[in-house]
Structure formats: C-alpha cells, structure tokens
Amino acid sequence: MNHIEHIKSFLITEFLPGVQASELTTEYDLLTNGVVDSLGLLKLIAWVESEFQVTVNDAALDPDNFRTVDAINAFVARASHPVKAG
C-alpha cells in the first residue's frame, strides 16, 4: 500500500466511515469541507508522526500541510527526506 492509499484508508476509517477509497479524491479539501476539525487535525498530525516516523515541528503546523491527501503525502515526503542546509 503506497502512502496515498494508506493516508486515504486512515482518513476514511477515522473521519469518513462508509465512504469508499475511490470516492475520496486526493485533492478533496478535508478542512474546508468540515471532514477534519481542529481536534481531528491534532489526531491526524499525531497519526502522521507515529505512522511515518516523522516530526511535525512548530513550523510544519500549517493546516495547509494537512488539507488534502496530496498535501499530507507531500508533507510526509518532505519530512522523511529533509533538505540539509549547506
């Protein structure tokens, strides 16, 4: 299971019971559409940290990093392979 499908599976289990994975597009705005609220965002961040062994520091707490499946996937990719300052 790739990250996209894994993220979708978590979101459906926790926030969208009864929705099929094919119905949740990777661009669907989870925040604007009320799927994930402020407490849900904290749950999502905790899951991302635990599941992908990454740290969400204060600078990364921007809700835009968790707005869509694509945004979450991109954040995980960046956090997993940080660019080192030279």
PDB file of N, CA and C in Angstrom:
ATOM      1  N   MET A   1       0.861  -1.184   0.000  1.00  0.00           N
ATOM      2  CA  MET A   1       0.000   0.000   0.000  1.00  0.00           C
ATOM      3  C   MET A   1       0.902   1.242   0.000  1.00  0.00           C
ATOM      4  N   ASN A   2       0.723   2.126  -0.988  1.00  0.00           N
ATOM      5  CA  ASN A   2       1.542   3.335  -1.025  1.00  0.00           C
ATOM      6  C   ASN A   2       1.023   4.358  -0.013  1.00  0.00           C
ATOM      7  N   HIS A   3       1.743   5.441   0.149  1.00  0.00           N
ATOM      8  CA  HIS A   3       1.348   6.446   1.144  1.00  0.00           C
ATOM      9  C   HIS A   3      -0.041   7.017   0.869  1.00  0.00           C
ATOM     10  N   ILE A   4      -0.348   7.287  -0.379  1.00  0.00           N
ATOM     11  CA  ILE A   4      -1.655   7.867  -0.725  1.00  0.00           C
ATOM     12  C   ILE A   4      -2.776   6.950  -0.234  1.00  0.00           C
ATOM     13  N   GLU A   5      -2.693   5.684  -0.569  1.00  0.00           N
ATOM     14  CA  GLU A   5      -3.744   4.741  -0.174  1.00  0.00           C
ATOM     15  C   GLU A   5      -3.779   4.555   1.338  1.00  0.00           C
ATOM     16  N   HIS A   6      -2.624   4.571   1.958  1.00  0.00           N
ATOM     17  CA  HIS A   6      -2.546   4.427   3.419  1.00  0.00           C
ATOM     18  C   HIS A   6      -3.185   5.637   4.112  1.00  0.00           C
ATOM     19  N   ILE A   7      -2.898   6.819   3.618  1.00  0.00           N
ATOM     20  CA  ILE A   7      -3.483   8.053   4.166  1.00  0.00           C
ATOM     21  C   ILE A   7      -5.000   8.039   3.961  1.00  0.00           C
ATOM     22  N   LYS A   8      -5.432   7.689   2.762  1.00  0.00           N
ATOM     23  CA  LYS A   8      -6.870   7.627   2.485  1.00  0.00           C
ATOM     24  C   LYS A   8      -7.560   6.629   3.403  1.00  0.00           C
ATOM     25  N   SER A   9      -6.939   5.494   3.616  1.00  0.00           N
ATOM     26  CA  SER A   9      -7.518   4.468   4.486  1.00  0.00           C
ATOM     27  C   SER A   9      -7.711   4.998   5.904  1.00  0.00           C
ATOM     28  N   PHE A  10      -6.705   5.691   6.427  1.00  0.00           N
ATOM     29  CA  PHE A  10      -6.820   6.272   7.769  1.00  0.00           C
ATOM     30  C   PHE A  10      -7.943   7.305   7.816  1.00  0.00           C
ATOM     31  N   LEU A  11      -7.968   8.197   6.851  1.00  0.00           N
ATOM     32  CA  LEU A  11      -8.986   9.251   6.838  1.00  0.00           C
ATOM     33  C   LEU A  11     -10.395   8.672   6.761  1.00  0.00           C
ATOM     34  N   ILE A  12     -10.563   7.663   5.944  1.00  0.00           N
ATOM     35  CA  ILE A  12     -11.880   7.042   5.816  1.00  0.00           C
ATOM     36  C   ILE A  12     -12.271   6.345   7.112  1.00  0.00           C
ATOM     37  N   THR A  13     -11.353   5.602   7.695  1.00  0.00           N
ATOM     38  CA  THR A  13     -11.640   4.893   8.945  1.00  0.00           C
ATOM     39  C   THR A  13     -11.997   5.858  10.061  1.00  0.00           C
ATOM     40  N   GLU A  14     -11.245   6.931  10.188  1.00  0.00           N
ATOM     41  CA  GLU A  14     -11.411   7.852  11.313  1.00  0.00           C
ATOM     42  C   GLU A  14     -12.461   8.938  11.093  1.00  0.00           C
ATOM     43  N   PHE A  15     -12.600   9.410   9.857  1.00  0.00           N
ATOM     44  CA  PHE A  15     -13.424  10.592   9.624  1.00  0.00           C
ATOM     45  C   PHE A  15     -14.551  10.410   8.606  1.00  0.00           C
ATOM     46  N   LEU A  16     -14.472   9.391   7.780  1.00  0.00           N
ATOM     47  CA  LEU A  16     -15.450   9.223   6.701  1.00  0.00           C
ATOM     48  C   LEU A  16     -15.970   7.788   6.610  1.00  0.00           C
ATOM     49  N   PRO A  17     -16.478   7.242   7.701  1.00  0.00           N
ATOM     50  CA  PRO A  17     -16.958   5.856   7.631  1.00  0.00           C
ATOM     51  C   PRO A  17     -18.043   5.711   6.566  1.00  0.00           C
ATOM     52  N   GLY A  18     -17.963   4.625   5.841  1.00  0.00           N
ATOM     53  CA  GLY A  18     -18.948   4.376   4.796  1.00  0.00           C
ATOM     54  C   GLY A  18     -18.560   4.902   3.430  1.00  0.00           C
ATOM     55  N   VAL A  19     -17.508   5.709   3.365  1.00  0.00           N
ATOM     56  CA  VAL A  19     -17.037   6.248   2.087  1.00  0.00           C
ATOM     57  C   VAL A  19     -16.024   5.262   1.496  1.00  0.00           C
ATOM     58  N   GLN A  20     -16.102   5.041   0.206  1.00  0.00           N
ATOM     59  CA  GLN A  20     -15.147   4.175  -0.485  1.00  0.00           C
ATOM     60  C   GLN A  20     -13.889   4.984  -0.823  1.00  0.00           C
ATOM     61  N   ALA A  21     -12.748   4.312  -0.833  1.00  0.00           N
ATOM     62  CA  ALA A  21     -11.484   4.986  -1.142  1.00  0.00           C
ATOM     63  C   ALA A  21     -11.551   5.685  -2.496  1.00  0.00           C
ATOM     64  N   SER A  22     -12.232   5.090  -3.441  1.00  0.00           N
ATOM     65  CA  SER A  22     -12.332   5.691  -4.777  1.00  0.00           C
ATOM     66  C   SER A  22     -13.137   6.991  -4.772  1.00  0.00           C
ATOM     67  N   GLU A  23     -13.947   7.191  -3.745  1.00  0.00           N
ATOM     68  CA  GLU A  23     -14.751   8.412  -3.641  1.00  0.00           C
ATOM     69  C   GLU A  23     -13.966   9.588  -3.055  1.00  0.00           C
ATOM     70  N   LEU A  24     -12.892   9.301  -2.356  1.00  0.00           N
ATOM     71  CA  LEU A  24     -12.082  10.354  -1.735  1.00  0.00           C
ATOM     72  C   LEU A  24     -10.943  10.710  -2.678  1.00  0.00           C
ATOM     73  N   THR A  25     -11.083  11.847  -3.357  1.00  0.00           N
ATOM     74  CA  THR A  25     -10.017  12.266  -4.266  1.00  0.00           C
ATOM     75  C   THR A  25      -8.854  12.828  -3.458  1.00  0.00           C
ATOM     76  N   THR A  26      -7.696  12.822  -4.059  1.00  0.00           N
ATOM     77  CA  THR A  26      -6.505  13.305  -3.356  1.00  0.00           C
ATOM     78  C   THR A  26      -6.496  14.819  -3.213  1.00  0.00           C
ATOM     79  N   GLU A  27      -7.377  15.525  -3.946  1.00  0.00           N
ATOM     80  CA  GLU A  27      -7.449  16.985  -3.870  1.00  0.00           C
ATOM     81  C   GLU A  27      -8.596  17.476  -2.992  1.00  0.00           C
ATOM     82  N   TYR A  28      -9.405  16.577  -2.465  1.00  0.00           N
ATOM     83  CA  TYR A  28     -10.569  16.960  -1.662  1.00  0.00           C
ATOM     84  C   TYR A  28     -10.117  17.713  -0.413  1.00  0.00           C
ATOM     85  N   ASP A  29     -10.665  18.896  -0.184  1.00  0.00           N
ATOM     86  CA  ASP A  29     -10.268  19.748   0.941  1.00  0.00           C
ATOM     87  C   ASP A  29     -10.951  19.267   2.222  1.00  0.00           C
ATOM     88  N   LEU A  30     -10.183  18.592   3.041  1.00  0.00           N
ATOM     89  CA  LEU A  30     -10.699  17.994   4.279  1.00  0.00           C
ATOM     90  C   LEU A  30     -11.086  19.041   5.312  1.00  0.00           C
ATOM     91  N   LEU A  31     -10.420  20.172   5.302  1.00  0.00           N
ATOM     92  CA  LEU A  31     -10.671  21.210   6.303  1.00  0.00           C
ATOM     93  C   LEU A  31     -11.860  22.080   5.909  1.00  0.00           C
ATOM     94  N   THR A  32     -11.839  22.613   4.706  1.00  0.00           N
ATOM     95  CA  THR A  32     -12.925  23.479   4.251  1.00  0.00           C
ATOM     96  C   THR A  32     -14.260  22.748   4.239  1.00  0.00           C
ATOM     97  N   ASN A  33     -14.237  21.470   3.907  1.00  0.00           N
ATOM     98  CA  ASN A  33     -15.468  20.684   3.831  1.00  0.00           C
ATOM     99  C   ASN A  33     -15.888  20.091   5.170  1.00  0.00           C
ATOM    100  N   GLY A  34     -15.171  20.423   6.233  1.00  0.00           N
ATOM    101  CA  GLY A  34     -15.579  20.024   7.573  1.00  0.00           C
ATOM    102  C   GLY A  34     -15.343  18.568   7.933  1.00  0.00           C
ATOM    103  N   VAL A  35     -14.572  17.864   7.138  1.00  0.00           N
ATOM    104  CA  VAL A  35     -14.271  16.463   7.449  1.00  0.00           C
ATOM    105  C   VAL A  35     -13.358  16.390   8.665  1.00  0.00           C
ATOM    106  N   VAL A  36     -12.349  17.250   8.688  1.00  0.00           N
ATOM    107  CA  VAL A  36     -11.392  17.293   9.793  1.00  0.00           C
ATOM    108  C   VAL A  36     -11.515  18.659  10.464  1.00  0.00           C
ATOM    109  N   ASP A  37     -11.847  18.654  11.760  1.00  0.00           N
ATOM    110  CA  ASP A  37     -11.917  19.902  12.526  1.00  0.00           C
ATOM    111  C   ASP A  37     -10.615  20.069  13.308  1.00  0.00           C
ATOM    112  N   SER A  38     -10.559  21.033  14.215  1.00  0.00           N
ATOM    113  CA  SER A  38      -9.307  21.308  14.924  1.00  0.00           C
ATOM    114  C   SER A  38      -8.843  20.116  15.758  1.00  0.00           C
ATOM    115  N   LEU A  39      -9.756  19.443  16.425  1.00  0.00           N
ATOM    116  CA  LEU A  39      -9.364  18.257  17.196  1.00  0.00           C
ATOM    117  C   LEU A  39      -8.979  17.112  16.270  1.00  0.00           C
ATOM    118  N   GLY A  40      -9.687  16.990  15.173  1.00  0.00           N
ATOM    119  CA  GLY A  40      -9.344  15.974  14.186  1.00  0.00           C
ATOM    120  C   GLY A  40      -7.978  16.223  13.580  1.00  0.00           C
ATOM    121  N   LEU A  41      -7.633  17.493  13.410  1.00  0.00           N
ATOM    122  CA  LEU A  41      -6.324  17.848  12.877  1.00  0.00           C
ATOM    123  C   LEU A  41      -5.220  17.384  13.821  1.00  0.00           C
ATOM    124  N   LEU A  42      -5.437  17.544  15.117  1.00  0.00           N
ATOM    125  CA  LEU A  42      -4.455  17.060  16.093  1.00  0.00           C
ATOM    126  C   LEU A  42      -4.316  15.543  16.020  1.00  0.00           C
ATOM    127  N   LYS A  43      -5.426  14.855  15.863  1.00  0.00           N
ATOM    128  CA  LYS A  43      -5.408  13.396  15.735  1.00  0.00           C
ATOM    129  C   LYS A  43      -4.662  12.986  14.466  1.00  0.00           C
ATOM    130  N   LEU A  44      -4.919  13.689  13.381  1.00  0.00           N
ATOM    131  CA  LEU A  44      -4.257  13.411  12.112  1.00  0.00           C
ATOM    132  C   LEU A  44      -2.753  13.637  12.221  1.00  0.00           C
ATOM    133  N   ILE A  45      -2.352  14.730  12.836  1.00  0.00           N
ATOM    134  CA  ILE A  45      -0.926  15.027  12.998  1.00  0.00           C
ATOM    135  C   ILE A  45      -0.253  13.957  13.846  1.00  0.00           C
ATOM    136  N   ALA A  46      -0.883  13.553  14.937  1.00  0.00           N
ATOM    137  CA  ALA A  46      -0.317  12.506  15.798  1.00  0.00           C
ATOM    138  C   ALA A  46      -0.164  11.203  15.012  1.00  0.00           C
ATOM    139  N   TRP A  47      -1.145  10.880  14.194  1.00  0.00           N
ATOM    140  CA  TRP A  47      -1.076   9.664  13.381  1.00  0.00           C
ATOM    141  C   TRP A  47       0.063   9.754  12.366  1.00  0.00           C
ATOM    142  N   VAL A  48       0.196  10.884  11.697  1.00  0.00           N
ATOM    143  CA  VAL A  48       1.271  11.065  10.715  1.00  0.00           C
ATOM    144  C   VAL A  48       2.629  10.873  11.387  1.00  0.00           C
ATOM    145  N   GLU A  49       2.812  11.489  12.551  1.00  0.00           N
ATOM    146  CA  GLU A  49       4.085  11.350  13.267  1.00  0.00           C
ATOM    147  C   GLU A  49       4.362   9.889  13.617  1.00  0.00           C
ATOM    148  N   SER A  50       3.375   9.224  14.147  1.00  0.00           N
ATOM    149  CA  SER A  50       3.536   7.838  14.571  1.00  0.00           C
ATOM    150  C   SER A  50       3.699   6.886  13.387  1.00  0.00           C
ATOM    151  N   GLU A  51       2.865   7.028  12.411  1.00  0.00           N
ATOM    152  CA  GLU A  51       2.824   6.092  11.285  1.00  0.00           C
ATOM    153  C   GLU A  51       4.030   6.208  10.370  1.00  0.00           C
ATOM    154  N   PHE A  52       4.506   7.432  10.157  1.00  0.00           N
ATOM    155  CA  PHE A  52       5.585   7.652   9.201  1.00  0.00           C
ATOM    156  C   PHE A  52       6.912   8.010   9.871  1.00  0.00           C
ATOM    157  N   GLN A  53       6.920   7.969  11.213  1.00  0.00           N
ATOM    158  CA  GLN A  53       8.147   8.246  11.968  1.00  0.00           C
ATOM    159  C   GLN A  53       8.771   9.582  11.570  1.00  0.00           C
ATOM    160  N   VAL A  54       7.934  10.616  11.522  1.00  0.00           N
ATOM    161  CA  VAL A  54       8.392  11.972  11.228  1.00  0.00           C
ATOM    162  C   VAL A  54       7.987  12.876  12.380  1.00  0.00           C
ATOM    163  N   THR A  55       8.596  14.031  12.449  1.00  0.00           N
ATOM    164  CA  THR A  55       8.262  15.009  13.470  1.00  0.00           C
ATOM    165  C   THR A  55       7.581  16.197  12.810  1.00  0.00           C
ATOM    166  N   VAL A  56       6.471  16.599  13.384  1.00  0.00           N
ATOM    167  CA  VAL A  56       5.775  17.793  12.916  1.00  0.00           C
ATOM    168  C   VAL A  56       6.158  18.907  13.881  1.00  0.00           C
ATOM    169  N   ASN A  57       7.152  19.711  13.489  1.00  0.00           N
ATOM    170  CA  ASN A  57       7.603  20.791  14.365  1.00  0.00           C
ATOM    171  C   ASN A  57       6.686  22.003  14.225  1.00  0.00           C
ATOM    172  N   ASP A  58       6.939  23.014  15.019  1.00  0.00           N
ATOM    173  CA  ASP A  58       6.076  24.199  15.022  1.00  0.00           C
ATOM    174  C   ASP A  58       5.934  24.824  13.635  1.00  0.00           C
ATOM    175  N   ALA A  59       7.013  24.858  12.876  1.00  0.00           N
ATOM    176  CA  ALA A  59       6.970  25.460  11.541  1.00  0.00           C
ATOM    177  C   ALA A  59       6.082  24.660  10.588  1.00  0.00           C
ATOM    178  N   ALA A  60       5.935  23.366  10.842  1.00  0.00           N
ATOM    179  CA  ALA A  60       5.147  22.498   9.964  1.00  0.00           C
ATOM    180  C   ALA A  60       3.685  22.407  10.384  1.00  0.00           C
ATOM    181  N   LEU A  61       3.307  23.105  11.445  1.00  0.00           N
ATOM    182  CA  LEU A  61       1.935  23.019  11.935  1.00  0.00           C
ATOM    183  C   LEU A  61       0.927  23.786  11.085  1.00  0.00           C
ATOM    184  N   ASP A  62       1.334  24.217   9.931  1.00  0.00           N
ATOM    185  CA  ASP A  62       0.447  24.910   8.997  1.00  0.00           C
ATOM    186  C   ASP A  62      -0.657  23.949   8.545  1.00  0.00           C
ATOM    187  N   PRO A  63      -1.921  24.305   8.750  1.00  0.00           N
ATOM    188  CA  PRO A  63      -3.012  23.412   8.336  1.00  0.00           C
ATOM    189  C   PRO A  63      -2.964  23.039   6.855  1.00  0.00           C
ATOM    190  N   ASP A  64      -2.350  23.880   6.034  1.00  0.00           N
ATOM    191  CA  ASP A  64      -2.264  23.566   4.608  1.00  0.00           C
ATOM    192  C   ASP A  64      -1.480  22.277   4.348  1.00  0.00           C
ATOM    193  N   ASN A  65      -0.596  21.896   5.278  1.00  0.00           N
ATOM    194  CA  ASN A  65       0.145  20.643   5.141  1.00  0.00           C
ATOM    195  C   ASN A  65      -0.754  19.424   5.311  1.00  0.00           C
ATOM    196  N   PHE A  66      -1.963  19.632   5.823  1.00  0.00           N
ATOM    197  CA  PHE A  66      -2.864  18.521   6.138  1.00  0.00           C
ATOM    198  C   PHE A  66      -4.254  18.719   5.521  1.00  0.00           C
ATOM    199  N   ARG A  67      -4.349  19.614   4.558  1.00  0.00           N
ATOM    200  CA  ARG A  67      -5.636  19.997   3.962  1.00  0.00           C
ATOM    201  C   ARG A  67      -6.192  18.929   3.018  1.00  0.00           C
ATOM    202  N   THR A  68      -5.328  18.269   2.269  1.00  0.00           N
ATOM    203  CA  THR A  68      -5.751  17.252   1.297  1.00  0.00           C
ATOM    204  C   THR A  68      -4.859  16.022   1.437  1.00  0.00           C
ATOM    205  N   VAL A  69      -5.277  14.935   0.827  1.00  0.00           N
ATOM    206  CA  VAL A  69      -4.439  13.730   0.820  1.00  0.00           C
ATOM    207  C   VAL A  69      -3.113  14.043   0.135  1.00  0.00           C
ATOM    208  N   ASP A  70      -3.157  14.774  -0.976  1.00  0.00           N
ATOM    209  CA  ASP A  70      -1.920  15.150  -1.668  1.00  0.00           C
ATOM    210  C   ASP A  70      -1.003  15.972  -0.767  1.00  0.00           C
ATOM    211  N   ALA A  71      -1.565  16.914  -0.023  1.00  0.00           N
ATOM    212  CA  ALA A  71      -0.758  17.759   0.867  1.00  0.00           C
ATOM    213  C   ALA A  71      -0.128  16.929   1.980  1.00  0.00           C
ATOM    214  N   ILE A  72      -0.880  16.006   2.545  1.00  0.00           N
ATOM    215  CA  ILE A  72      -0.342  15.137   3.601  1.00  0.00           C
ATOM    216  C   ILE A  72       0.784  14.283   3.034  1.00  0.00           C
ATOM    217  N   ASN A  73       0.567  13.711   1.866  1.00  0.00           N
ATOM    218  CA  ASN A  73       1.584  12.881   1.226  1.00  0.00           C
ATOM    219  C   ASN A  73       2.853  13.687   0.942  1.00  0.00           C
ATOM    220  N   ALA A  74       2.699  14.901   0.441  1.00  0.00           N
ATOM    221  CA  ALA A  74       3.852  15.761   0.159  1.00  0.00           C
ATOM    222  C   ALA A  74       4.586  16.115   1.444  1.00  0.00           C
ATOM    223  N   PHE A  75       3.833  16.393   2.514  1.00  0.00           N
ATOM    224  CA  PHE A  75       4.469  16.696   3.790  1.00  0.00           C
ATOM    225  C   PHE A  75       5.281  15.503   4.279  1.00  0.00           C
ATOM    226  N   VAL A  76       4.712  14.320   4.212  1.00  0.00           N
ATOM    227  CA  VAL A  76       5.419  13.110   4.651  1.00  0.00           C
ATOM    228  C   VAL A  76       6.705  12.932   3.844  1.00  0.00           C
ATOM    229  N   ALA A  77       6.637  13.153   2.543  1.00  0.00           N
ATOM    230  CA  ALA A  77       7.827  13.026   1.694  1.00  0.00           C
ATOM    231  C   ALA A  77       8.900  14.028   2.108  1.00  0.00           C
ATOM    232  N   ARG A  78       8.497  15.275   2.352  1.00  0.00           N
ATOM    233  CA  ARG A  78       9.468  16.302   2.771  1.00  0.00           C
ATOM    234  C   ARG A  78      10.045  15.984   4.142  1.00  0.00           C
ATOM    235  N   ALA A  79       9.199  15.584   5.067  1.00  0.00           N
ATOM    236  CA  ALA A  79       9.642  15.318   6.438  1.00  0.00           C
ATOM    237  C   ALA A  79      10.507  14.064   6.517  1.00  0.00           C
ATOM    238  N   SER A  80      10.289  13.126   5.606  1.00  0.00           N
ATOM    239  CA  SER A  80      11.067  11.888   5.596  1.00  0.00           C
ATOM    240  C   SER A  80      12.451  12.089   4.998  1.00  0.00           C
ATOM    241  N   HIS A  81      12.579  13.077   4.151  1.00  0.00           N
ATOM    242  CA  HIS A  81      13.842  13.350   3.462  1.00  0.00           C
ATOM    243  C   HIS A  81      14.149  14.840   3.532  1.00  0.00           C
ATOM    244  N   PRO A  82      14.449  15.341   4.737  1.00  0.00           N
ATOM    245  CA  PRO A  82      14.697  16.784   4.868  1.00  0.00           C
ATOM    246  C   PRO A  82      15.930  17.214   4.082  1.00  0.00           C
ATOM    247  N   VAL A  83      15.845  18.415   3.541  1.00  0.00           N
ATOM    248  CA  VAL A  83      16.972  19.000   2.822  1.00  0.00           C
ATOM    249  C   VAL A  83      17.909  19.609   3.851  1.00  0.00           C
ATOM    250  N   LYS A  84      19.166  19.242   3.764  1.00  0.00           N
ATOM    251  CA  LYS A  84      20.152  19.761   4.712  1.00  0.00           C
ATOM    252  C   LYS A  84      20.696  21.092   4.201  1.00  0.00           C
ATOM    253  N   ALA A  85      20.769  22.054   5.118  1.00  0.00           N
ATOM    254  CA  ALA A  85      21.328  23.361   4.764  1.00  0.00           C
ATOM    255  C   ALA A  85      22.822  23.200   4.531  1.00  0.00           C
ATOM    256  N   GLY A  86      23.328  23.901   3.524  1.00  0.00           N
ATOM    257  CA  GLY A  86      24.664  23.645   3.132  1.00  0.00           C
ATOM    258  C   GLY A  86      25.703  24.526   3.551  1.00  0.00           C
TER     259      GLY A  86
END
